[in-house]
PDB file of all heavy atoms in Angstrom:
ATOM      1  N   ASP A   1       0.847  -1.229   0.035  1.00  0.00           N
ATOM      2  CA  ASP A   1      -0.027  -0.035  -0.005  1.00  0.00           C
ATOM      3  C   ASP A   1       0.867   1.220   0.051  1.00  0.00           C
ATOM      4  O   ASP A   1       1.457   1.604   0.976  1.00  0.00           O
ATOM      5  CB  ASP A   1      -0.922   0.025   1.175  1.00  0.00           C
ATOM      6  CG  ASP A   1      -1.835   1.219   1.271  1.00  0.00           C
ATOM      7  OD1 ASP A   1      -1.888   1.955   0.250  1.00  0.00           O
ATOM      8  OD2 ASP A   1      -2.505   1.389   2.320  1.00  0.00           O
ATOM      9  N   PRO A   2       0.910   1.969  -1.099  1.00  0.00           N
ATOM     10  CA  PRO A   2       1.751   3.168  -1.140  1.00  0.00           C
ATOM     11  C   PRO A   2       1.154   4.400  -0.365  1.00  0.00           C
ATOM     12  O   PRO A   2       1.784   5.322  -0.111  1.00  0.00           O
ATOM     13  CB  PRO A   2       1.791   3.500  -2.592  1.00  0.00           C
ATOM     14  CG  PRO A   2       0.573   2.956  -3.171  1.00  0.00           C
ATOM     15  CD  PRO A   2       0.264   1.751  -2.432  1.00  0.00           C
ATOM     16  N   TYR A   3      -0.055   4.211   0.091  1.00  0.00           N
ATOM     17  CA  TYR A   3      -0.727   5.150   0.956  1.00  0.00           C
ATOM     18  C   TYR A   3      -0.441   4.971   2.380  1.00  0.00           C
ATOM     19  O   TYR A   3      -0.250   5.876   3.165  1.00  0.00           O
ATOM     20  CB  TYR A   3      -2.228   5.278   0.704  1.00  0.00           C
ATOM     21  CG  TYR A   3      -2.534   5.647  -0.803  1.00  0.00           C
ATOM     22  CD1 TYR A   3      -2.661   4.662  -1.780  1.00  0.00           C
ATOM     23  CD2 TYR A   3      -2.686   6.996  -1.086  1.00  0.00           C
ATOM     24  CE1 TYR A   3      -2.940   5.039  -3.091  1.00  0.00           C
ATOM     25  CE2 TYR A   3      -2.941   7.361  -2.442  1.00  0.00           C
ATOM     26  CZ  TYR A   3      -3.089   6.374  -3.386  1.00  0.00           C
ATOM     27  OH  TYR A   3      -3.323   6.689  -4.657  1.00  0.00           O
ATOM     28  N   GLY A   4      -0.456   3.716   2.820  1.00  0.00           N
ATOM     29  CA  GLY A   4      -0.272   3.467   4.215  1.00  0.00           C
ATOM     30  C   GLY A   4       1.074   3.150   4.635  1.00  0.00           C
ATOM     31  O   GLY A   4       1.414   3.196   5.851  1.00  0.00           O
ATOM     32  N   SER A   5       2.066   2.936   3.684  1.00  0.00           N
ATOM     33  CA  SER A   5       3.432   2.587   4.090  1.00  0.00           C
ATOM     34  C   SER A   5       4.362   3.873   4.260  1.00  0.00           C
ATOM     35  O   SER A   5       5.535   3.662   4.655  1.00  0.00           O
ATOM     36  CB  SER A   5       4.044   1.704   2.966  1.00  0.00           C
ATOM     37  OG  SER A   5       4.135   2.288   1.761  1.00  0.00           O
ATOM     38  N   LEU A   6       3.916   5.033   3.912  1.00  0.00           N
ATOM     39  CA  LEU A   6       4.663   6.235   4.094  1.00  0.00           C
ATOM     40  C   LEU A   6       4.094   7.089   5.142  1.00  0.00           C
ATOM     41  O   LEU A   6       2.833   7.350   5.112  1.00  0.00           O
ATOM     42  CB  LEU A   6       4.658   6.965   2.735  1.00  0.00           C
ATOM     43  CG  LEU A   6       5.084   6.294   1.480  1.00  0.00           C
ATOM     44  CD1 LEU A   6       5.178   7.211   0.300  1.00  0.00           C
ATOM     45  CD2 LEU A   6       6.490   5.704   1.723  1.00  0.00           C
ATOM     46  N   ASP A   7       4.882   7.565   6.095  1.00  0.00           N
ATOM     47  CA  ASP A   7       4.486   8.417   7.230  1.00  0.00           C
ATOM     48  C   ASP A   7       4.101   9.711   6.735  1.00  0.00           C
ATOM     49  O   ASP A   7       4.906  10.537   6.169  1.00  0.00           O
ATOM     50  CB  ASP A   7       5.555   8.443   8.262  1.00  0.00           C
ATOM     51  CG  ASP A   7       5.063   9.079   9.562  1.00  0.00           C
ATOM     52  OD1 ASP A   7       4.180   9.867   9.567  1.00  0.00           O
ATOM     53  OD2 ASP A   7       5.655   8.784  10.657  1.00  0.00           O
ATOM     54  N   PRO A   8       2.766  10.119   6.846  1.00  0.00           N
ATOM     55  CA  PRO A   8       2.394  11.387   6.327  1.00  0.00           C
ATOM     56  C   PRO A   8       2.996  12.613   7.026  1.00  0.00           C
ATOM     57  O   PRO A   8       2.920  13.732   6.536  1.00  0.00           O
ATOM     58  CB  PRO A   8       0.844  11.398   6.547  1.00  0.00           C
ATOM     59  CG  PRO A   8       0.630  10.397   7.672  1.00  0.00           C
ATOM     60  CD  PRO A   8       1.673   9.461   7.509  1.00  0.00           C
ATOM     61  N   ARG A   9       3.531  12.476   8.180  1.00  0.00           N
ATOM     62  CA  ARG A   9       4.130  13.566   8.969  1.00  0.00           C
ATOM     63  C   ARG A   9       5.518  13.778   8.569  1.00  0.00           C
ATOM     64  O   ARG A   9       6.135  14.777   9.109  1.00  0.00           O
ATOM     65  CB  ARG A   9       3.998  13.224  10.502  1.00  0.00           C
ATOM     66  CG  ARG A   9       2.672  12.947  11.074  1.00  0.00           C
ATOM     67  CD  ARG A   9       2.699  12.345  12.353  1.00  0.00           C
ATOM     68  NE  ARG A   9       3.360  11.096  12.350  1.00  0.00           N
ATOM     69  CZ  ARG A   9       3.491  10.283  13.422  1.00  0.00           C
ATOM     70  NH1 ARG A   9       3.079  10.634  14.627  1.00  0.00           N
ATOM     71  NH2 ARG A   9       4.068   9.063  13.368  1.00  0.00           N
ATOM     72  N   MET A  10       6.167  12.974   7.751  1.00  0.00           N
ATOM     73  CA  MET A  10       7.529  13.051   7.421  1.00  0.00           C
ATOM     74  C   MET A  10       7.634  13.587   6.027  1.00  0.00           C
ATOM     75  O   MET A  10       6.921  13.293   5.133  1.00  0.00           O
ATOM     76  CB  MET A  10       8.256  11.702   7.479  1.00  0.00           C
ATOM     77  CG  MET A  10       8.326  11.195   8.932  1.00  0.00           C
ATOM     78  SD  MET A  10       8.861   9.404   9.098  1.00  0.00           S
ATOM     79  CE  MET A  10      10.548   9.582   8.481  1.00  0.00           C
ATOM     80  N   THR A  11       8.668  14.402   5.727  1.00  0.00           N
ATOM     81  CA  THR A  11       9.032  14.826   4.424  1.00  0.00           C
ATOM     82  C   THR A  11       9.601  13.540   3.656  1.00  0.00           C
ATOM     83  O   THR A  11      10.039  12.573   4.228  1.00  0.00           O
ATOM     84  CB  THR A  11      10.046  15.874   4.386  1.00  0.00           C
ATOM     85  OG1 THR A  11      11.265  15.390   4.873  1.00  0.00           O
ATOM     86  CG2 THR A  11       9.580  17.130   5.125  1.00  0.00           C
ATOM     87  N   VAL A  12       9.540  13.680   2.272  1.00  0.00           N
ATOM     88  CA  VAL A  12      10.045  12.607   1.402  1.00  0.00           C
ATOM     89  C   VAL A  12      11.534  12.366   1.774  1.00  0.00           C
ATOM     90  O   VAL A  12      11.962  11.209   1.748  1.00  0.00           O
ATOM     91  CB  VAL A  12       9.846  12.927  -0.003  1.00  0.00           C
ATOM     92  CG1 VAL A  12      10.600  12.019  -0.927  1.00  0.00           C
ATOM     93  CG2 VAL A  12       8.372  12.919  -0.336  1.00  0.00           C
ATOM     94  N   ALA A  13      12.318  13.424   2.075  1.00  0.00           N
ATOM     95  CA  ALA A  13      13.728  13.224   2.386  1.00  0.00           C
ATOM     96  C   ALA A  13      13.898  12.394   3.565  1.00  0.00           C
ATOM     97  O   ALA A  13      14.646  11.518   3.594  1.00  0.00           O
ATOM     98  CB  ALA A  13      14.384  14.585   2.633  1.00  0.00           C
ATOM     99  N   ARG A  14      13.041  12.568   4.681  1.00  0.00           N
ATOM    100  CA  ARG A  14      13.217  11.835   5.846  1.00  0.00           C
ATOM    101  C   ARG A  14      12.699  10.354   5.620  1.00  0.00           C
ATOM    102  O   ARG A  14      13.356   9.330   6.112  1.00  0.00           O
ATOM    103  CB  ARG A  14      12.368  12.479   7.019  1.00  0.00           C
ATOM    104  CG  ARG A  14      12.972  13.706   7.596  1.00  0.00           C
ATOM    105  CD  ARG A  14      12.177  14.132   8.795  1.00  0.00           C
ATOM    106  NE  ARG A  14      12.148  13.147   9.845  1.00  0.00           N
ATOM    107  CZ  ARG A  14      11.208  13.149  10.758  1.00  0.00           C
ATOM    108  NH1 ARG A  14      10.369  14.024  10.886  1.00  0.00           N
ATOM    109  NH2 ARG A  14      11.257  12.230  11.760  1.00  0.00           N
ATOM    110  N   ILE A  15      11.728  10.207   4.757  1.00  0.00           N
ATOM    111  CA  ILE A  15      11.193   8.838   4.495  1.00  0.00           C
ATOM    112  C   ILE A  15      12.287   8.000   3.766  1.00  0.00           C
ATOM    113  O   ILE A  15      12.456   6.870   4.083  1.00  0.00           O
ATOM    114  CB  ILE A  15       9.905   8.962   3.688  1.00  0.00           C
ATOM    115  CG1 ILE A  15       8.770   9.527   4.540  1.00  0.00           C
ATOM    116  CG2 ILE A  15       9.516   7.582   3.045  1.00  0.00           C
ATOM    117  CD1 ILE A  15       7.471   9.793   3.726  1.00  0.00           C
ATOM    118  N   VAL A  16      12.836   8.587   2.734  1.00  0.00           N
ATOM    119  CA  VAL A  16      13.841   7.845   1.932  1.00  0.00           C
ATOM    120  C   VAL A  16      15.072   7.598   2.809  1.00  0.00           C
ATOM    121  O   VAL A  16      15.582   6.526   2.665  1.00  0.00           O
ATOM    122  CB  VAL A  16      14.142   8.687   0.704  1.00  0.00           C
ATOM    123  CG1 VAL A  16      15.279   7.993  -0.112  1.00  0.00           C
ATOM    124  CG2 VAL A  16      12.934   8.737  -0.160  1.00  0.00           C
ATOM    125  N   ALA A  17      15.408   8.496   3.681  1.00  0.00           N
ATOM    126  CA  ALA A  17      16.641   8.296   4.465  1.00  0.00           C
ATOM    127  C   ALA A  17      16.488   7.427   5.631  1.00  0.00           C
ATOM    128  O   ALA A  17      17.424   7.026   6.316  1.00  0.00           O
ATOM    129  CB  ALA A  17      17.200   9.683   4.870  1.00  0.00           C
ATOM    130  N   GLU A  18      15.197   7.100   5.904  1.00  0.00           N
ATOM    131  CA  GLU A  18      14.923   6.313   7.225  1.00  0.00           C
ATOM    132  C   GLU A  18      15.698   5.045   7.380  1.00  0.00           C
ATOM    133  O   GLU A  18      16.098   4.792   8.503  1.00  0.00           O
ATOM    134  CB  GLU A  18      13.393   6.056   7.256  1.00  0.00           C
ATOM    135  CG  GLU A  18      12.840   5.545   8.519  1.00  0.00           C
ATOM    136  CD  GLU A  18      11.363   5.452   8.630  1.00  0.00           C
ATOM    137  OE1 GLU A  18      10.838   5.450   7.503  1.00  0.00           O
ATOM    138  OE2 GLU A  18      10.823   5.270   9.599  1.00  0.00           O
ATOM    139  N   PRO A  19      15.954   4.290   6.397  1.00  0.00           N
ATOM    140  CA  PRO A  19      16.720   3.014   6.589  1.00  0.00           C
ATOM    141  C   PRO A  19      18.276   3.226   6.905  1.00  0.00           C
ATOM    142  O   PRO A  19      18.890   2.218   7.274  1.00  0.00           O
ATOM    143  CB  PRO A  19      16.558   2.198   5.325  1.00  0.00           C
ATOM    144  CG  PRO A  19      15.376   2.832   4.624  1.00  0.00           C
ATOM    145  CD  PRO A  19      15.499   4.290   4.935  1.00  0.00           C
ATOM    146  N   LEU A  20      18.760   4.433   6.585  1.00  0.00           N
ATOM    147  CA  LEU A  20      20.177   4.662   6.806  1.00  0.00           C
ATOM    148  C   LEU A  20      20.548   4.671   8.242  1.00  0.00           C
ATOM    149  O   LEU A  20      19.745   5.147   9.039  1.00  0.00           O
ATOM    150  CB  LEU A  20      20.564   5.904   6.084  1.00  0.00           C
ATOM    151  CG  LEU A  20      20.518   6.077   4.588  1.00  0.00           C
ATOM    152  CD1 LEU A  20      20.737   7.412   4.068  1.00  0.00           C
ATOM    153  CD2 LEU A  20      21.454   5.071   3.959  1.00  0.00           C
ATOM    154  N   PRO A  21      21.746   4.232   8.517  1.00  0.00           N
ATOM    155  CA  PRO A  21      22.132   4.359   9.915  1.00  0.00           C
ATOM    156  C   PRO A  21      22.165   5.776  10.471  1.00  0.00           C
ATOM    157  O   PRO A  21      22.415   6.694   9.616  1.00  0.00           O
ATOM    158  CB  PRO A  21      23.609   3.732   9.962  1.00  0.00           C
ATOM    159  CG  PRO A  21      23.686   2.929   8.705  1.00  0.00           C
ATOM    160  CD  PRO A  21      22.684   3.602   7.718  1.00  0.00           C
ATOM    161  N   ARG A  22      21.855   5.889  11.822  1.00  0.00           N
ATOM    162  CA  ARG A  22      21.833   7.275  12.336  1.00  0.00           C
ATOM    163  C   ARG A  22      23.230   8.027  12.242  1.00  0.00           C
ATOM    164  O   ARG A  22      23.213   9.267  12.192  1.00  0.00           O
ATOM    165  CB  ARG A  22      21.330   7.280  13.688  1.00  0.00           C
ATOM    166  CG  ARG A  22      19.938   6.879  13.846  1.00  0.00           C
ATOM    167  CD  ARG A  22      19.454   6.960  15.361  1.00  0.00           C
ATOM    168  NE  ARG A  22      17.962   6.692  15.400  1.00  0.00           N
ATOM    169  CZ  ARG A  22      17.404   6.714  16.572  1.00  0.00           C
ATOM    170  NH1 ARG A  22      18.030   7.150  17.732  1.00  0.00           N
ATOM    171  NH2 ARG A  22      16.016   6.424  16.685  1.00  0.00           N
ATOM    172  N   ALA A  23      24.252   7.218  12.196  1.00  0.00           N
ATOM    173  CA  ALA A  23      25.572   7.816  12.224  1.00  0.00           C
ATOM    174  C   ALA A  23      25.983   8.287  10.861  1.00  0.00           C
ATOM    175  O   ALA A  23      27.102   8.848  10.657  1.00  0.00           O
ATOM    176  CB  ALA A  23      26.596   6.848  12.717  1.00  0.00           C
ATOM    177  N   THR A  24      25.152   8.106   9.785  1.00  0.00           N
ATOM    178  CA  THR A  24      25.571   8.499   8.472  1.00  0.00           C
ATOM    179  C   THR A  24      25.674  10.020   8.364  1.00  0.00           C
ATOM    180  O   THR A  24      24.791  10.777   8.842  1.00  0.00           O
ATOM    181  CB  THR A  24      24.422   8.071   7.428  1.00  0.00           C
ATOM    182  OG1 THR A  24      24.218   6.629   7.552  1.00  0.00           O
ATOM    183  CG2 THR A  24      24.897   8.375   6.048  1.00  0.00           C
ATOM    184  N   PRO A  25      26.780  10.561   7.827  1.00  0.00           N
ATOM    185  CA  PRO A  25      27.000  12.004   7.772  1.00  0.00           C
ATOM    186  C   PRO A  25      25.839  12.631   7.045  1.00  0.00           C
ATOM    187  O   PRO A  25      25.277  12.064   6.091  1.00  0.00           O
ATOM    188  CB  PRO A  25      28.282  12.176   7.051  1.00  0.00           C
ATOM    189  CG  PRO A  25      29.037  10.844   7.340  1.00  0.00           C
ATOM    190  CD  PRO A  25      27.938   9.770   7.348  1.00  0.00           C
ATOM    191  N   ARG A  26      25.468  13.829   7.423  1.00  0.00           N
ATOM    192  CA  ARG A  26      24.397  14.568   6.769  1.00  0.00           C
ATOM    193  C   ARG A  26      24.572  14.760   5.195  1.00  0.00           C
ATOM    194  O   ARG A  26      23.658  14.633   4.487  1.00  0.00           O
ATOM    195  CB  ARG A  26      24.194  15.936   7.456  1.00  0.00           C
ATOM    196  CG  ARG A  26      23.031  16.771   6.904  1.00  0.00           C
ATOM    197  CD  ARG A  26      22.780  18.068   7.687  1.00  0.00           C
ATOM    198  NE  ARG A  26      22.512  17.764   9.116  1.00  0.00           N
ATOM    199  CZ  ARG A  26      22.285  18.758   9.975  1.00  0.00           C
ATOM    200  NH1 ARG A  26      22.336  20.003   9.599  1.00  0.00           N
ATOM    201  NH2 ARG A  26      22.006  18.446  11.207  1.00  0.00           N
ATOM    202  N   ALA A  27      25.748  15.130   4.953  1.00  0.00           N
ATOM    203  CA  ALA A  27      26.095  15.297   3.386  1.00  0.00           C
ATOM    204  C   ALA A  27      25.823  13.969   2.675  1.00  0.00           C
ATOM    205  O   ALA A  27      25.308  14.026   1.498  1.00  0.00           O
ATOM    206  CB  ALA A  27      27.476  15.835   3.236  1.00  0.00           C
ATOM    207  N   GLU A  28      26.294  12.879   3.262  1.00  0.00           N
ATOM    208  CA  GLU A  28      26.093  11.617   2.519  1.00  0.00           C
ATOM    209  C   GLU A  28      24.660  11.193   2.457  1.00  0.00           C
ATOM    210  O   GLU A  28      24.140  10.685   1.463  1.00  0.00           O
ATOM    211  CB  GLU A  28      26.910  10.445   3.251  1.00  0.00           C
ATOM    212  CG  GLU A  28      26.801   9.206   2.555  1.00  0.00           C
ATOM    213  CD  GLU A  28      27.565   8.072   3.262  1.00  0.00           C
ATOM    214  OE1 GLU A  28      28.319   8.411   4.107  1.00  0.00           O
ATOM    215  OE2 GLU A  28      27.330   6.868   2.947  1.00  0.00           O
ATOM    216  N   THR A  29      23.935  11.525   3.588  1.00  0.00           N
ATOM    217  CA  THR A  29      22.481  11.235   3.544  1.00  0.00           C
ATOM    218  C   THR A  29      21.742  12.030   2.495  1.00  0.00           C
ATOM    219  O   THR A  29      20.955  11.487   1.705  1.00  0.00           O
ATOM    220  CB  THR A  29      21.828  11.583   4.862  1.00  0.00           C
ATOM    221  OG1 THR A  29      22.475  10.800   5.887  1.00  0.00           O
ATOM    222  CG2 THR A  29      20.403  11.357   4.921  1.00  0.00           C
TER     223      THR A  29
END
């Protein structure tokens, strides 16, 4: 479900970056 699987409160940038480790540098993210 492309409607239910994306958090409506998050920007697309945050959604796409979500699986990356938290320690990933901002520029690389």
